[in-house]
């Protein structure tokens, strides 16, 4: 029996995330956690640490962007196509504060050919901290060997 037929889209998403996470020193180094992964969706979390606050004593926007970008990356790489960001933008709504657990939830809006659009909402509890939109581009290669998934 061919192994390709045994992996569901959810299994593929998890296997891709596991392969990516193994090499993602940036996300791990910032204390991020991959909370959930599904095809076209990813949720990541990070607690705002003292080294992440700026002169205003709020979370530096670069860290919020990075958390959203990481969730975006896991969402757009969940189909076993290697994808990178072509463009990303963020709108900051409220500040993140020291000790906040920031949660970034990414969802696929559109995926066609080599291009994708993903929205990411960053929250702290019930408060929306930022909204991010990322555009992905598929590059050559896959996360899993060709024998692992159905083409």
Protein backbone atom coordinates (compact mmCIF):
# COMPACT_ATOMS: atom_id res chain seq x y z
CA UNK A 1 0.00 0.00 0.00
CA UNK A 2 1.23 3.47 -0.86
CA UNK A 3 2.00 5.63 2.19
CA UNK A 4 0.76 8.69 0.29
CA UNK A 5 -2.89 7.79 0.82
CA UNK A 6 -2.53 7.41 4.59
CA UNK A 7 -1.81 11.04 5.55
CA UNK A 8 -4.74 13.37 6.03
CA UNK A 9 -4.34 17.11 5.40
CA UNK A 10 -4.16 17.54 9.19
CA UNK A 11 -1.35 14.96 9.39
CA UNK A 12 0.51 16.75 6.59
CA UNK A 13 0.13 20.12 8.35
CA UNK A 14 1.47 18.65 11.62
CA UNK A 15 4.40 16.92 9.91
CA UNK A 16 5.31 20.10 8.02
CA UNK A 17 5.13 22.13 11.24
CA UNK A 18 7.33 19.59 13.04
CA UNK A 19 9.92 19.78 10.25
CA UNK A 20 9.83 23.58 10.24
CA UNK A 21 9.92 23.93 14.03
CA UNK A 22 13.03 21.75 14.19
CA UNK A 23 14.94 24.40 12.19
CA UNK A 24 13.22 27.57 13.49
CA UNK A 25 15.82 29.00 15.85
CA UNK A 26 14.27 32.49 15.71
CA UNK A 27 10.83 31.49 17.01
CA UNK A 28 12.27 29.12 19.59
CA UNK A 29 14.83 31.71 20.69
CA UNK A 30 12.09 34.23 21.41
CA UNK A 31 10.20 31.72 23.53
CA UNK A 32 7.39 31.17 21.04
CA UNK A 33 5.18 28.12 21.28
CA UNK A 34 3.29 26.49 18.42
CA UNK A 35 -0.14 26.05 20.00
CA UNK A 36 -2.15 24.70 17.08
CA UNK A 37 -1.62 23.74 13.45
CA UNK A 38 -4.15 22.81 10.78
CA UNK A 39 -4.09 23.14 7.00
CA UNK A 40 -3.90 26.88 6.31
CA UNK A 41 -4.10 27.77 10.01
CA UNK A 42 -1.59 28.20 12.82
CA UNK A 43 -1.69 29.58 16.34
CA UNK A 44 1.46 30.66 18.14
CA UNK A 45 1.99 32.25 21.55
CA UNK A 46 4.75 34.22 23.27
CA UNK A 47 5.01 35.92 26.65
CA UNK A 48 6.36 39.48 26.64
CA UNK A 49 9.68 39.36 28.51
CA UNK A 50 11.65 42.31 29.97
CA UNK A 51 14.06 42.39 27.00
CA UNK A 52 11.05 42.87 24.66
CA UNK A 53 9.81 46.19 26.04
CA UNK A 54 10.85 49.51 24.56
CA UNK A 55 11.40 52.97 26.07
CA UNK A 56 7.64 53.39 26.44
CA UNK A 57 7.71 50.23 28.62
CA UNK A 58 5.43 48.43 26.14
CA UNK A 59 6.20 45.50 23.87
CA UNK A 60 8.37 46.61 20.97
CA UNK A 61 6.33 46.37 17.77
CA UNK A 62 9.02 44.29 16.11
CA UNK A 63 8.34 41.44 18.50
CA UNK A 64 4.61 41.61 17.83
CA UNK A 65 5.31 41.61 14.09
CA UNK A 66 7.69 38.67 14.50
CA UNK A 67 5.12 36.61 16.39
CA UNK A 68 2.51 37.31 13.71
CA UNK A 69 5.03 36.56 10.96
CA UNK A 70 5.91 33.22 12.56
CA UNK A 71 2.24 32.20 12.78
CA UNK A 72 1.84 33.27 9.14
CA UNK A 73 4.87 31.17 8.17
CA UNK A 74 3.53 28.03 9.81
CA UNK A 75 0.09 28.53 8.25
CA UNK A 76 1.40 29.03 4.71
CA UNK A 77 3.82 26.10 4.98
CA UNK A 78 1.13 23.67 6.18
CA UNK A 79 0.41 22.20 2.73
CA UNK A 80 3.91 20.75 2.17
CA UNK A 81 4.90 23.51 -0.23
CA UNK A 82 7.85 25.58 0.94
CA UNK A 83 6.59 29.14 1.12
CA UNK A 84 8.19 32.44 2.11
CA UNK A 85 6.82 35.90 2.77
CA UNK A 86 6.54 38.15 -0.25
CA UNK A 87 5.01 40.97 1.78
CA UNK A 88 3.71 41.56 5.27
CA UNK A 89 2.09 44.49 7.03
CA UNK A 90 0.84 45.08 10.54
CA UNK A 91 -1.58 47.48 12.16
CA UNK A 92 -1.01 47.98 15.87
CA UNK A 93 -4.24 48.46 17.80
CA UNK A 94 -3.25 48.27 21.48
CA UNK A 95 0.10 47.89 23.18
CA UNK A 96 1.35 44.59 24.47
CA UNK A 97 2.62 44.84 28.02
CA UNK A 98 5.31 43.15 30.04
CA UNK A 99 4.04 39.73 31.08
CA UNK A 100 1.25 39.57 28.48
CA UNK A 101 0.80 36.23 26.77
CA UNK A 102 0.41 37.24 23.13
CA UNK A 103 -1.43 34.79 20.89
CA UNK A 104 -1.20 35.03 17.10
CA UNK A 105 -3.85 33.17 15.13
CA UNK A 106 -3.21 32.88 11.39
CA UNK A 107 -5.79 31.85 8.81
CA UNK A 108 -5.57 31.31 5.10
CA UNK A 109 -7.65 33.80 3.11
CA UNK A 110 -6.60 32.77 -0.39
CA UNK A 111 -4.24 30.23 -1.92
CA UNK A 112 -3.87 30.03 -5.68
CA UNK A 113 -0.92 28.88 -7.75
CA UNK A 114 2.26 30.04 -6.03
CA UNK A 115 0.59 32.87 -4.08
CA UNK A 116 -1.28 33.01 -0.80
CA UNK A 117 -2.85 35.62 1.46
CA UNK A 118 -3.05 35.10 5.23
CA UNK A 119 -4.55 37.18 8.03
CA UNK A 120 -3.15 37.01 11.55
CA UNK A 121 -4.81 38.41 14.66
CA UNK A 122 -2.60 38.99 17.69
CA UNK A 123 -4.41 39.09 21.03
CA UNK A 124 -3.66 39.39 24.73
CA UNK A 125 -6.60 37.83 26.53
CA UNK A 126 -9.74 39.38 25.05
CA UNK A 127 -7.88 42.43 23.67
CA UNK A 128 -6.82 42.62 20.03
CA UNK A 129 -3.24 43.89 19.95
CA UNK A 130 -2.56 43.85 16.19
CA UNK A 131 -3.80 42.71 12.80
CA UNK A 132 -1.28 41.39 10.27
CA UNK A 133 -1.69 40.49 6.61
CA UNK A 134 0.93 38.43 4.84
CA UNK A 135 1.35 37.46 1.21
CA UNK A 136 3.23 34.22 0.61
CA UNK A 137 5.09 32.88 -2.37
CA UNK A 138 5.81 29.18 -2.93
CA UNK A 139 9.44 28.39 -3.66
CA UNK A 140 10.94 25.11 -4.89
CA UNK A 141 10.96 22.19 -2.47
CA UNK A 142 8.74 20.48 0.06
CA UNK A 143 8.93 19.80 3.80
CA UNK A 144 8.15 16.10 3.51
CA UNK A 145 9.57 13.51 1.14
CA UNK A 146 7.41 12.97 -1.94
CA UNK A 147 6.57 9.49 -0.68
CA UNK A 148 4.85 10.90 2.41
CA UNK A 149 1.87 12.69 0.88
CA UNK A 150 -0.65 12.34 -1.86
CA UNK A 151 0.22 14.53 -4.83
